[in-house]
Structure formats: structure tokens, C-alpha cells
C-alpha atoms as a PDB file:
ATOM      1  CA  MET A   1      -2.664  -6.653  28.815  1.00  0.00           C
ATOM      2  CA  PRO A   2      -3.410  -9.942  30.694  1.00  0.00           C
ATOM      3  CA  CYS A   3      -1.941 -13.173  29.353  1.00  0.00           C
ATOM      4  CA  PHE A   4      -4.809 -15.385  30.552  1.00  0.00           C
ATOM      5  CA  THR A   5      -8.628 -15.325  30.789  1.00  0.00           C
ATOM      6  CA  GLN A   6      -9.625 -13.958  34.180  1.00  0.00           C
ATOM      7  CA  THR A   7     -13.116 -15.092  34.958  1.00  0.00           C
ATOM      8  CA  PRO A   8     -15.546 -17.858  33.860  1.00  0.00           C
ATOM      9  CA  THR A   9     -17.418 -16.846  30.706  1.00  0.00           C
ATOM     10  CA  PRO A  10     -20.641 -18.754  30.086  1.00  0.00           C
ATOM     11  CA  PHE A  11     -21.882 -19.513  26.600  1.00  0.00           C
ATOM     12  CA  GLY A  12     -24.233 -22.016  24.840  1.00  0.00           C
ATOM     13  CA  HIS A  13     -27.739 -21.441  26.119  1.00  0.00           C
ATOM     14  CA  SER A  14     -30.273 -24.263  26.439  1.00  0.00           C
ATOM     15  CA  LEU A  15     -33.909 -23.910  25.352  1.00  0.00           C
ATOM     16  CA  THR A  16     -34.691 -22.747  28.854  1.00  0.00           C
ATOM     17  CA  GLY A  17     -32.000 -20.066  28.659  1.00  0.00           C
ATOM     18  CA  ASP A  18     -29.554 -21.672  31.046  1.00  0.00           C
ATOM     19  CA  CYS A  19     -25.901 -21.530  30.095  1.00  0.00           C
ATOM     20  CA  LEU A  20     -24.454 -25.036  29.427  1.00  0.00           C
ATOM     21  CA  PHE A  21     -20.720 -24.314  29.044  1.00  0.00           C
ATOM     22  CA  SER A  22     -18.110 -21.789  30.015  1.00  0.00           C
ATOM     23  CA  VAL A  23     -14.617 -20.689  29.180  1.00  0.00           C
ATOM     24  CA  ASN A  24     -12.602 -21.215  32.348  1.00  0.00           C
ATOM     25  CA  PRO A  25     -10.147 -18.655  33.890  1.00  0.00           C
ATOM     26  CA  GLY A  26      -6.430 -19.303  33.217  1.00  0.00           C
ATOM     27  CA  ILE A  27      -6.711 -20.045  29.518  1.00  0.00           C
ATOM     28  CA  PRO A  28      -3.839 -18.294  27.674  1.00  0.00           C
ATOM     29  CA  ILE A  29      -5.378 -15.499  25.543  1.00  0.00           C
ATOM     30  CA  LYS A  30      -3.301 -16.411  22.595  1.00  0.00           C
ATOM     31  CA  ILE A  31      -4.454 -20.009  22.642  1.00  0.00           C
ATOM     32  CA  ALA A  32      -8.065 -18.936  23.132  1.00  0.00           C
ATOM     33  CA  LEU A  33      -7.929 -16.637  20.076  1.00  0.00           C
ATOM     34  CA  GLU A  34      -6.153 -19.244  17.963  1.00  0.00           C
ATOM     35  CA  LEU A  35      -8.835 -21.776  18.805  1.00  0.00           C
ATOM     36  CA  ALA A  36     -11.599 -19.306  18.103  1.00  0.00           C
ATOM     37  CA  ALA A  37     -10.097 -18.685  14.590  1.00  0.00           C
ATOM     38  CA  GLN A  38      -9.980 -22.452  13.981  1.00  0.00           C
ATOM     39  CA  LEU A  39     -13.585 -22.988  15.133  1.00  0.00           C
ATOM     40  CA  LEU A  40     -14.761 -20.124  12.928  1.00  0.00           C
ATOM     41  CA  SER A  41     -12.907 -21.575   9.905  1.00  0.00           C
ATOM     42  CA  SER A  42     -14.585 -24.963  10.518  1.00  0.00           C
ATOM     43  CA  ALA A  43     -17.981 -23.237  10.828  1.00  0.00           C
ATOM     44  CA  THR A  44     -17.368 -21.524   7.507  1.00  0.00           C
ATOM     45  CA  ALA A  45     -16.601 -24.825   5.867  1.00  0.00           C
ATOM     46  CA  LEU A  46     -19.655 -26.510   7.367  1.00  0.00           C
ATOM     47  CA  CYS A  47     -21.896 -23.630   6.103  1.00  0.00           C
ATOM     48  CA  ALA A  48     -20.508 -24.041   2.616  1.00  0.00           C
ATOM     49  CA  GLU A  49     -21.138 -27.746   2.697  1.00  0.00           C
ATOM     50  CA  SER A  50     -24.673 -27.324   4.013  1.00  0.00           C
ATOM     51  CA  GLN A  51     -25.623 -25.428   0.863  1.00  0.00           C
ATOM     52  CA  VAL A  52     -25.060 -28.524  -1.324  1.00  0.00           C
ATOM     53  CA  ALA A  53     -26.273 -31.229   1.149  1.00  0.00           C
ATOM     54  CA  SER A  54     -29.524 -32.951   1.438  1.00  0.00           C
ATOM     55  CA  PRO A  55     -32.175 -31.112   3.614  1.00  0.00           C
ATOM     56  CA  GLN A  56     -31.622 -33.471   6.593  1.00  0.00           C
ATOM     57  CA  THR A  57     -27.857 -33.308   6.339  1.00  0.00           C
ATOM     58  CA  SER A  58     -28.073 -29.535   5.849  1.00  0.00           C
ATOM     59  CA  HIS A  59     -30.051 -29.030   9.045  1.00  0.00           C
ATOM     60  CA  SER A  60     -27.313 -31.073  10.994  1.00  0.00           C
ATOM     61  CA  LEU A  61     -24.550 -29.127   9.456  1.00  0.00           C
ATOM     62  CA  THR A  62     -26.204 -25.835  10.172  1.00  0.00           C
ATOM     63  CA  PHE A  63     -26.754 -26.853  13.870  1.00  0.00           C
ATOM     64  CA  ALA A  64     -23.036 -27.881  14.109  1.00  0.00           C
ATOM     65  CA  SER A  65     -22.003 -24.602  12.577  1.00  0.00           C
ATOM     66  CA  LEU A  66     -24.044 -22.696  15.201  1.00  0.00           C
ATOM     67  CA  GLN A  67     -22.338 -24.642  18.060  1.00  0.00           C
ATOM     68  CA  LEU A  68     -18.903 -23.846  16.592  1.00  0.00           C
ATOM     69  CA  VAL A  69     -19.836 -20.118  16.299  1.00  0.00           C
ATOM     70  CA  GLU A  70     -21.120 -20.128  19.934  1.00  0.00           C
ATOM     71  CA  MET A  71     -17.856 -21.648  21.179  1.00  0.00           C
ATOM     72  CA  SER A  72     -15.901 -19.080  19.214  1.00  0.00           C
ATOM     73  CA  LYS A  73     -17.929 -16.248  20.624  1.00  0.00           C
ATOM     74  CA  GLY A  74     -17.417 -17.619  24.176  1.00  0.00           C
ATOM     75  CA  LEU A  75     -13.613 -17.652  23.623  1.00  0.00           C
ATOM     76  CA  VAL A  76     -13.610 -14.104  22.136  1.00  0.00           C
ATOM     77  CA  ASP A  77     -15.841 -12.770  24.838  1.00  0.00           C
ATOM     78  CA  ALA A  78     -13.605 -14.325  27.549  1.00  0.00           C
ATOM     79  CA  THR A  79     -10.523 -12.702  26.063  1.00  0.00           C
ATOM     80  CA  LEU A  80     -12.217  -9.425  25.570  1.00  0.00           C
ATOM     81  CA  ASP A  81     -13.557  -9.358  29.158  1.00  0.00           C
ATOM     82  CA  SER A  82     -10.090 -10.013  30.438  1.00  0.00           C
ATOM     83  CA  VAL A  83      -8.531  -7.222  28.413  1.00  0.00           C
ATOM     84  CA  LEU A  84     -11.231  -4.758  29.396  1.00  0.00           C
ATOM     85  CA  GLN A  85     -11.006  -5.773  33.101  1.00  0.00           C
ATOM     86  CA  ALA A  86      -7.224  -5.242  32.984  1.00  0.00           C
ATOM     87  CA  ASP A  87      -7.734  -1.807  31.457  1.00  0.00           C
ATOM     88  CA  THR A  88     -10.271  -0.821  34.148  1.00  0.00           C
ATOM     89  CA  LEU A  89      -7.719  -1.790  36.866  1.00  0.00           C
ATOM     90  CA  LYS A  90      -5.029   0.511  35.476  1.00  0.00           C
END
């Protein structure tokens, strides 16, 4: 199994569909997965808070949660791509 992400993995699409961000190659997989878990934990907390917030605040918290989930997915996708790529090369 590889120890690092292998290729750039884009995430975070704009309204036009263009990718705005990417996970870079060379990120330790363990660090990427730990950060993904932390981001998902934060997204969960924001979702819970949005349920009791005012409508305007709830909208902002929901959008922030979406961004955290997209970052988490980018990290998980990058690590999964690296593992699958390494398995293909075997």
C-alpha cells in the first residue's frame, strides 16, 4: 500500500462546474485520513447547530458543512485513488 497520495485529486466545484481545489500528491495517507475524520466531525457538529439556529445562520452553517464534507471527500478520494493505483501496478 502506498504511503502518500500519488496524483492531484480535484474537488470543490464552482457553479460553472470547474474544480476550485485539489489534494496534492505527496500527502501522507495517514494524515489525509485523519484530517478527513476531523473535517467530518466538524461538519457533523455544524449540522447539529444548524438545526437550532436562525434561518440565516442555519443557511451559513449548512454551506460551511457542505464545504467540510467536500474537503473530506477529496481527501478520501485521493487516498483511495492512490491505493487502487498501487494495487493495479502489482
